[in-house]
Structure formats: structure tokens, C-alpha cells
């Protein structure tokens, strides 16, 4: 799996979210990521994202980046 610095690369995350319809809520992202074979690290960061409605993949990636940074060193194995 492709990993970026301190977590997962944006390309890898978007691959796991391929097919999600917008607007999407966190549970939609979780379901799509699971269906696309996301590992536990990706799912944990998605779970820590806010319960907002996301209007685009750009919104998702912004929230994902913020959640990944605030998850702390334990998420950066």
C-alpha cells in the first residue's frame, strides 16, 4: 500500500473512497472505504473526522488531513 509522510497518501485514500456519492456523511465514507478494502488505519482516521456533510472529495481530503494530523504519533506507524 502506498503511504505518504505521517500516514496515507491522498491518492491511496481517494482510491478507498472511489464510488462515494456526494454529498456524503462520515458513515457513507466509512461504508465505501470498507467496501473498497481500506485498512484499519484509514478507517480510524475517517472515524475521527467530523460528522459533517461533505460536498466534494476536496472537502473529504481537507477533513482527512486535519484528522490524520490530530490523531497523533500512534497513527503514524
N, C-alpha and C. Protein backbone atom coordinates (compact mmCIF):
# COMPACT_ATOMS: atom_id res chain seq x y z
N UNK A 1 0.84 -1.17 0.00
CA UNK A 1 0.00 0.00 0.00
C UNK A 1 0.88 1.23 0.00
N UNK A 2 0.46 2.25 -0.70
CA UNK A 2 1.20 3.49 -0.77
C UNK A 2 0.88 4.34 0.45
N UNK A 3 1.92 4.76 1.15
CA UNK A 3 1.74 5.61 2.32
C UNK A 3 2.48 6.91 2.11
N UNK A 4 1.89 7.99 2.54
CA UNK A 4 2.53 9.29 2.49
C UNK A 4 3.26 9.55 3.80
N UNK A 5 3.82 10.72 3.92
CA UNK A 5 4.51 11.07 5.16
C UNK A 5 3.50 11.15 6.28
N UNK A 6 3.78 10.45 7.37
CA UNK A 6 2.94 10.53 8.54
C UNK A 6 1.57 9.92 8.36
N UNK A 7 1.35 9.06 7.40
CA UNK A 7 0.03 8.47 7.23
C UNK A 7 -0.14 7.92 5.84
N UNK A 8 -1.25 8.20 5.25
CA UNK A 8 -1.59 7.63 3.95
C UNK A 8 -1.60 8.71 2.89
N UNK A 9 -1.14 8.38 1.70
CA UNK A 9 -1.11 9.36 0.63
C UNK A 9 -2.54 9.69 0.20
N UNK A 10 -2.76 10.91 -0.27
CA UNK A 10 -4.09 11.28 -0.76
C UNK A 10 -4.58 10.36 -1.86
N UNK A 11 -3.70 9.92 -2.73
CA UNK A 11 -4.11 9.02 -3.82
C UNK A 11 -4.64 7.70 -3.26
N UNK A 12 -4.01 7.19 -2.22
CA UNK A 12 -4.44 5.94 -1.60
C UNK A 12 -5.81 6.11 -0.95
N UNK A 13 -5.99 7.21 -0.24
CA UNK A 13 -7.27 7.46 0.44
C UNK A 13 -8.38 7.62 -0.58
N UNK A 14 -8.15 8.39 -1.63
CA UNK A 14 -9.20 8.58 -2.63
C UNK A 14 -9.52 7.27 -3.33
N UNK A 15 -8.54 6.38 -3.48
CA UNK A 15 -8.81 5.07 -4.07
C UNK A 15 -9.81 4.29 -3.20
N UNK A 16 -9.64 4.36 -1.89
CA UNK A 16 -10.54 3.66 -0.98
C UNK A 16 -11.93 4.29 -0.94
N UNK A 17 -12.03 5.56 -1.37
CA UNK A 17 -13.32 6.24 -1.37
C UNK A 17 -13.94 6.33 -2.76
N UNK A 18 -13.35 5.62 -3.70
CA UNK A 18 -13.87 5.63 -5.07
C UNK A 18 -15.31 5.12 -5.09
N UNK A 19 -16.17 5.89 -5.74
CA UNK A 19 -17.56 5.50 -5.88
C UNK A 19 -18.50 6.13 -4.87
N UNK A 20 -17.95 6.87 -3.89
CA UNK A 20 -18.82 7.51 -2.90
C UNK A 20 -19.60 8.63 -3.60
N UNK A 21 -20.87 8.75 -3.26
CA UNK A 21 -21.70 9.80 -3.83
C UNK A 21 -21.71 11.02 -2.92
N UNK A 22 -21.75 12.18 -3.53
CA UNK A 22 -21.79 13.43 -2.76
C UNK A 22 -23.14 14.09 -2.92
N UNK A 23 -23.64 14.76 -1.88
CA UNK A 23 -22.99 14.93 -0.59
C UNK A 23 -22.92 13.61 0.17
N UNK A 24 -21.88 13.48 1.00
CA UNK A 24 -21.65 12.25 1.76
C UNK A 24 -21.43 12.59 3.22
N UNK A 25 -21.87 11.71 4.08
CA UNK A 25 -21.63 11.84 5.52
C UNK A 25 -20.54 10.85 5.91
N UNK A 26 -20.03 11.01 7.12
CA UNK A 26 -18.93 10.16 7.59
C UNK A 26 -19.27 8.67 7.46
N UNK A 27 -20.49 8.28 7.78
CA UNK A 27 -20.86 6.87 7.68
C UNK A 27 -20.83 6.38 6.24
N UNK A 28 -21.17 7.26 5.28
CA UNK A 28 -21.05 6.90 3.86
C UNK A 28 -19.59 6.65 3.50
N UNK A 29 -18.71 7.50 4.01
CA UNK A 29 -17.28 7.34 3.75
C UNK A 29 -16.76 6.04 4.36
N UNK A 30 -17.18 5.75 5.59
CA UNK A 30 -16.76 4.51 6.25
C UNK A 30 -17.21 3.29 5.46
N UNK A 31 -18.46 3.28 5.05
CA UNK A 31 -19.00 2.13 4.30
C UNK A 31 -18.26 1.95 2.98
N UNK A 32 -18.04 3.05 2.26
CA UNK A 32 -17.35 2.95 0.97
C UNK A 32 -15.90 2.50 1.16
N UNK A 33 -15.23 3.05 2.16
CA UNK A 33 -13.83 2.66 2.41
C UNK A 33 -13.74 1.18 2.76
N UNK A 34 -14.65 0.70 3.62
CA UNK A 34 -14.65 -0.74 3.96
C UNK A 34 -14.88 -1.59 2.71
N UNK A 35 -15.87 -1.19 1.92
CA UNK A 35 -16.19 -1.94 0.69
C UNK A 35 -15.01 -1.98 -0.27
N UNK A 36 -14.17 -0.93 -0.23
CA UNK A 36 -13.02 -0.86 -1.13
C UNK A 36 -11.73 -1.37 -0.48
N UNK A 37 -11.86 -2.03 0.68
CA UNK A 37 -10.71 -2.71 1.28
C UNK A 37 -9.76 -1.84 2.08
N UNK A 38 -10.24 -0.73 2.61
CA UNK A 38 -9.37 0.15 3.41
C UNK A 38 -8.89 -0.59 4.66
N UNK A 39 -7.65 -0.30 5.05
CA UNK A 39 -7.12 -0.93 6.26
C UNK A 39 -7.61 -0.17 7.50
N UNK A 40 -7.33 -0.73 8.66
CA UNK A 40 -7.81 -0.15 9.92
C UNK A 40 -7.30 1.27 10.15
N UNK A 41 -6.08 1.57 9.72
CA UNK A 41 -5.54 2.92 9.92
C UNK A 41 -6.37 3.95 9.18
N UNK A 42 -6.74 3.67 7.94
CA UNK A 42 -7.57 4.59 7.15
C UNK A 42 -8.93 4.73 7.82
N UNK A 43 -9.53 3.62 8.22
CA UNK A 43 -10.85 3.65 8.84
C UNK A 43 -10.84 4.44 10.15
N UNK A 44 -9.77 4.31 10.93
CA UNK A 44 -9.67 5.05 12.20
C UNK A 44 -9.63 6.55 11.96
N UNK A 45 -8.89 6.98 10.94
CA UNK A 45 -8.82 8.42 10.67
C UNK A 45 -10.18 8.92 10.16
N UNK A 46 -10.83 8.16 9.29
CA UNK A 46 -12.16 8.56 8.82
C UNK A 46 -13.11 8.66 10.01
N UNK A 47 -13.04 7.69 10.92
CA UNK A 47 -13.91 7.69 12.09
C UNK A 47 -13.68 8.93 12.95
N UNK A 48 -12.46 9.45 12.98
CA UNK A 48 -12.16 10.62 13.81
C UNK A 48 -12.53 11.94 13.12
N UNK A 49 -12.98 11.88 11.87
CA UNK A 49 -13.39 13.08 11.16
C UNK A 49 -14.72 13.60 11.71
N UNK A 50 -15.02 14.89 11.48
CA UNK A 50 -16.29 15.42 11.97
C UNK A 50 -17.49 14.78 11.26
N UNK A 51 -18.65 14.88 11.88
CA UNK A 51 -19.87 14.30 11.33
C UNK A 51 -20.54 15.22 10.31
N UNK A 52 -19.77 16.04 9.65
CA UNK A 52 -20.31 16.98 8.68
C UNK A 52 -20.76 16.27 7.41
N UNK A 53 -21.52 17.01 6.59
CA UNK A 53 -21.82 16.55 5.23
C UNK A 53 -20.70 17.09 4.35
N UNK A 54 -20.11 16.22 3.57
CA UNK A 54 -19.02 16.60 2.67
C UNK A 54 -19.58 16.76 1.27
N UNK A 55 -19.30 17.90 0.65
CA UNK A 55 -19.86 18.22 -0.66
C UNK A 55 -18.99 17.73 -1.82
N UNK A 56 -17.71 17.44 -1.54
CA UNK A 56 -16.79 17.04 -2.60
C UNK A 56 -15.64 16.24 -2.00
N UNK A 57 -14.85 15.61 -2.88
CA UNK A 57 -13.67 14.89 -2.42
C UNK A 57 -12.66 15.87 -1.80
N UNK A 58 -12.63 17.11 -2.28
CA UNK A 58 -11.73 18.11 -1.69
C UNK A 58 -12.09 18.36 -0.23
N UNK A 59 -13.39 18.44 0.08
CA UNK A 59 -13.83 18.60 1.47
C UNK A 59 -13.40 17.41 2.32
N UNK A 60 -13.54 16.21 1.76
CA UNK A 60 -13.15 15.00 2.47
C UNK A 60 -11.66 15.00 2.74
N UNK A 61 -10.86 15.34 1.74
CA UNK A 61 -9.41 15.30 1.90
C UNK A 61 -8.93 16.34 2.91
N UNK A 62 -9.58 17.51 2.95
CA UNK A 62 -9.22 18.52 3.93
C UNK A 62 -9.49 17.99 5.34
N UNK A 63 -10.66 17.43 5.57
CA UNK A 63 -11.01 16.89 6.88
C UNK A 63 -10.14 15.69 7.23
N UNK A 64 -9.82 14.85 6.24
CA UNK A 64 -8.97 13.69 6.47
C UNK A 64 -7.58 14.14 6.91
N UNK A 65 -7.03 15.14 6.23
CA UNK A 65 -5.70 15.64 6.59
C UNK A 65 -5.66 16.20 7.99
N UNK A 66 -6.71 16.95 8.36
CA UNK A 66 -6.78 17.51 9.71
C UNK A 66 -6.92 16.40 10.76
N UNK A 67 -7.74 15.40 10.47
CA UNK A 67 -7.94 14.29 11.41
C UNK A 67 -6.67 13.46 11.54
N UNK A 68 -5.96 13.24 10.44
CA UNK A 68 -4.72 12.46 10.47
C UNK A 68 -3.66 13.17 11.30
N UNK A 69 -3.57 14.50 11.16
CA UNK A 69 -2.60 15.28 11.94
C UNK A 69 -2.94 15.25 13.42
N UNK A 70 -4.23 15.35 13.77
CA UNK A 70 -4.57 15.38 15.18
C UNK A 70 -4.65 14.00 15.80
N UNK A 71 -4.55 12.96 15.00
CA UNK A 71 -4.59 11.61 15.57
C UNK A 71 -3.35 11.32 16.38
N UNK A 72 -2.27 12.06 16.13
CA UNK A 72 -1.06 11.90 16.93
C UNK A 72 -0.12 10.84 16.39
N UNK A 73 1.00 10.64 17.04
CA UNK A 73 2.04 9.74 16.57
C UNK A 73 1.58 8.29 16.47
N UNK A 74 0.61 7.86 17.24
CA UNK A 74 0.19 6.46 17.17
C UNK A 74 -0.37 6.09 15.80
N UNK A 75 -0.86 7.08 15.03
CA UNK A 75 -1.40 6.77 13.70
C UNK A 75 -0.31 6.78 12.64
N UNK A 76 0.91 7.12 13.02
CA UNK A 76 1.99 7.25 12.05
C UNK A 76 3.00 6.14 12.19
N UNK A 77 2.51 4.93 12.13
CA UNK A 77 3.38 3.77 12.27
C UNK A 77 4.18 3.54 11.03
